[in-house]
Amino acid sequence: MATAADLGDMLIAVDLGPEIHTSGLPTERRTRHNLEVARALSAHNRMDDALAKILEAESWAPEQVRSHYLAHELVLTWVRDQRGRPSRSLADLVNRLHVV
């Protein structure tokens, strides 16, 4: 899934990512997977789904999400592209990540 995203094939990443069961993986790998899925979802303008993936990852490993460049990059992009006020969940995440 991450390889497809890295190669720019976000459609395959969106199709595969949510279907991969990561419950048996270490928390760090599950968290990274969710961030990659969020990236693919965001590329297809599915920001709410992408945000949900990041928030889920944050619930498992808050320190990892708060320090990961991909989480910062996605959230900063969403804030910049936002028209009007961001949702409460996005605004709270922005504060926790200190991206603005």
C-alpha atoms as a PDB file:
ATOM      1  CA  MET A   1       0.000   0.000   0.000  1.00  0.00           C
ATOM      2  CA  ALA A   2       2.726   2.443   0.950  1.00  0.00           C
ATOM      3  CA  THR A   3       4.701   1.493  -2.163  1.00  0.00           C
ATOM      4  CA  ALA A   4       1.706   2.268  -4.372  1.00  0.00           C
ATOM      5  CA  ALA A   5       1.348   5.646  -2.666  1.00  0.00           C
ATOM      6  CA  ASP A   6       5.073   6.375  -2.995  1.00  0.00           C
ATOM      7  CA  LEU A   7       4.843   5.589  -6.700  1.00  0.00           C
ATOM      8  CA  GLY A   8       1.924   7.989  -7.044  1.00  0.00           C
ATOM      9  CA  ASP A   9      -0.806   5.383  -7.519  1.00  0.00           C
ATOM     10  CA  MET A  10      -3.134   6.702  -4.849  1.00  0.00           C
ATOM     11  CA  LEU A  11      -6.133   4.848  -6.276  1.00  0.00           C
ATOM     12  CA  ILE A  12      -4.526   1.489  -5.505  1.00  0.00           C
ATOM     13  CA  ALA A  13      -3.426   2.808  -2.120  1.00  0.00           C
ATOM     14  CA  VAL A  14      -6.983   3.915  -1.303  1.00  0.00           C
ATOM     15  CA  ASP A  15      -8.348   0.547  -2.415  1.00  0.00           C
ATOM     16  CA  LEU A  16      -5.778  -1.548  -0.552  1.00  0.00           C
ATOM     17  CA  GLY A  17      -5.025   0.484   2.562  1.00  0.00           C
ATOM     18  CA  PRO A  18      -8.261   0.173   4.506  1.00  0.00           C
ATOM     19  CA  GLU A  19      -8.503  -3.533   3.640  1.00  0.00           C
ATOM     20  CA  ILE A  20      -5.190  -4.447   5.246  1.00  0.00           C
ATOM     21  CA  HIS A  21      -5.685  -5.839   8.744  1.00  0.00           C
ATOM     22  CA  THR A  22      -2.943  -4.486  10.950  1.00  0.00           C
ATOM     23  CA  SER A  23      -4.125  -5.674  14.357  1.00  0.00           C
ATOM     24  CA  GLY A  24      -1.253  -8.178  14.568  1.00  0.00           C
ATOM     25  CA  LEU A  25       1.416  -5.583  13.854  1.00  0.00           C
ATOM     26  CA  PRO A  26       3.345  -3.585  16.436  1.00  0.00           C
ATOM     27  CA  THR A  27       1.760  -0.267  17.355  1.00  0.00           C
ATOM     28  CA  GLU A  28       4.444   1.700  15.511  1.00  0.00           C
ATOM     29  CA  ARG A  29       3.717  -0.122  12.229  1.00  0.00           C
ATOM     30  CA  ARG A  30      -0.069   0.172  12.649  1.00  0.00           C
ATOM     31  CA  THR A  31       0.329   3.889  13.273  1.00  0.00           C
ATOM     32  CA  ARG A  32       2.533   4.377  10.206  1.00  0.00           C
ATOM     33  CA  HIS A  33       0.048   2.389   8.110  1.00  0.00           C
ATOM     34  CA  ASN A  34      -2.798   4.660   9.218  1.00  0.00           C
ATOM     35  CA  LEU A  35      -0.760   7.718   8.298  1.00  0.00           C
ATOM     36  CA  GLU A  36      -0.107   6.262   4.845  1.00  0.00           C
ATOM     37  CA  VAL A  37      -3.801   5.451   4.411  1.00  0.00           C
ATOM     38  CA  ALA A  38      -4.631   9.010   5.489  1.00  0.00           C
ATOM     39  CA  ARG A  39      -2.245  10.331   2.840  1.00  0.00           C
ATOM     40  CA  ALA A  40      -3.934   8.255   0.131  1.00  0.00           C
ATOM     41  CA  LEU A  41      -7.426   9.237   1.288  1.00  0.00           C
ATOM     42  CA  SER A  42      -6.430  12.886   1.400  1.00  0.00           C
ATOM     43  CA  ALA A  43      -5.129  12.673  -2.168  1.00  0.00           C
ATOM     44  CA  HIS A  44      -8.659  11.633  -3.173  1.00  0.00           C
ATOM     45  CA  ASN A  45     -10.251  14.529  -1.252  1.00  0.00           C
ATOM     46  CA  ARG A  46     -11.588  12.255   1.469  1.00  0.00           C
ATOM     47  CA  MET A  47     -10.374  14.496   4.259  1.00  0.00           C
ATOM     48  CA  ASP A  48     -12.889  13.331   6.864  1.00  0.00           C
ATOM     49  CA  ASP A  49     -11.843   9.708   6.381  1.00  0.00           C
ATOM     50  CA  ALA A  50      -8.176  10.706   6.400  1.00  0.00           C
ATOM     51  CA  LEU A  51      -8.612  12.717   9.582  1.00  0.00           C
ATOM     52  CA  ALA A  52     -10.336   9.737  11.211  1.00  0.00           C
ATOM     53  CA  LYS A  53      -7.320   7.556  10.353  1.00  0.00           C
ATOM     54  CA  ILE A  54      -4.923  10.042  11.912  1.00  0.00           C
ATOM     55  CA  LEU A  55      -7.044  10.375  15.034  1.00  0.00           C
ATOM     56  CA  GLU A  56      -7.212   6.590  15.347  1.00  0.00           C
ATOM     57  CA  ALA A  57      -3.429   6.378  15.021  1.00  0.00           C
ATOM     58  CA  GLU A  58      -3.049   9.128  17.591  1.00  0.00           C
ATOM     59  CA  SER A  59      -5.151   7.120  20.041  1.00  0.00           C
ATOM     60  CA  TRP A  60      -2.620   4.249  19.773  1.00  0.00           C
ATOM     61  CA  ALA A  61       0.612   6.233  19.665  1.00  0.00           C
ATOM     62  CA  PRO A  62       0.155   9.940  20.370  1.00  0.00           C
ATOM     63  CA  GLU A  63       3.869  10.723  20.546  1.00  0.00           C
ATOM     64  CA  GLN A  64       4.561   9.059  17.207  1.00  0.00           C
ATOM     65  CA  VAL A  65       1.764  10.926  15.443  1.00  0.00           C
ATOM     66  CA  ARG A  66       2.670  14.243  17.037  1.00  0.00           C
ATOM     67  CA  SER A  67       6.265  13.949  15.867  1.00  0.00           C
ATOM     68  CA  HIS A  68       5.719  12.349  12.458  1.00  0.00           C
ATOM     69  CA  TYR A  69       6.376  14.539   9.432  1.00  0.00           C
ATOM     70  CA  LEU A  70       3.533  12.961   7.447  1.00  0.00           C
ATOM     71  CA  ALA A  71       0.929  13.861  10.077  1.00  0.00           C
ATOM     72  CA  HIS A  72       2.246  17.430  10.153  1.00  0.00           C
ATOM     73  CA  GLU A  73       2.297  17.667   6.366  1.00  0.00           C
ATOM     74  CA  LEU A  74      -1.269  16.404   5.976  1.00  0.00           C
ATOM     75  CA  VAL A  75      -2.741  18.559   8.723  1.00  0.00           C
ATOM     76  CA  LEU A  76      -0.953  21.683   7.515  1.00  0.00           C
ATOM     77  CA  THR A  77      -2.224  21.074   3.974  1.00  0.00           C
ATOM     78  CA  TRP A  78      -5.780  20.638   5.223  1.00  0.00           C
ATOM     79  CA  VAL A  79      -5.609  23.848   7.221  1.00  0.00           C
ATOM     80  CA  ARG A  80      -4.222  25.794   4.259  1.00  0.00           C
ATOM     81  CA  ASP A  81      -6.888  24.394   1.916  1.00  0.00           C
ATOM     82  CA  GLN A  82      -9.717  24.877   4.395  1.00  0.00           C
ATOM     83  CA  ARG A  83     -12.410  27.366   3.527  1.00  0.00           C
ATOM     84  CA  GLY A  84     -13.850  28.877   6.634  1.00  0.00           C
ATOM     85  CA  ARG A  85     -13.258  27.482  10.064  1.00  0.00           C
ATOM     86  CA  PRO A  86     -11.853  23.979  10.450  1.00  0.00           C
ATOM     87  CA  SER A  87     -13.884  21.335  12.241  1.00  0.00           C
ATOM     88  CA  ARG A  88     -13.398  21.052  15.982  1.00  0.00           C
ATOM     89  CA  SER A  89     -11.556  17.722  15.614  1.00  0.00           C
ATOM     90  CA  LEU A  90      -9.161  19.204  13.039  1.00  0.00           C
ATOM     91  CA  ALA A  91      -8.620  22.356  15.098  1.00  0.00           C
ATOM     92  CA  ASP A  92      -7.860  20.256  18.177  1.00  0.00           C
ATOM     93  CA  LEU A  93      -5.396  18.125  16.201  1.00  0.00           C
ATOM     94  CA  VAL A  94      -3.707  21.259  14.857  1.00  0.00           C
ATOM     95  CA  ASN A  95      -3.200  22.422  18.442  1.00  0.00           C
ATOM     96  CA  ARG A  96      -1.819  19.070  19.564  1.00  0.00           C
ATOM     97  CA  LEU A  97       0.592  18.895  16.631  1.00  0.00           C
ATOM     98  CA  HIS A  98       1.627  22.558  16.950  1.00  0.00           C
ATOM     99  CA  VAL A  99       1.557  22.987  13.175  1.00  0.00           C
ATOM    100  CA  VAL A 100       0.145  26.500  13.029  1.00  0.00           C
END
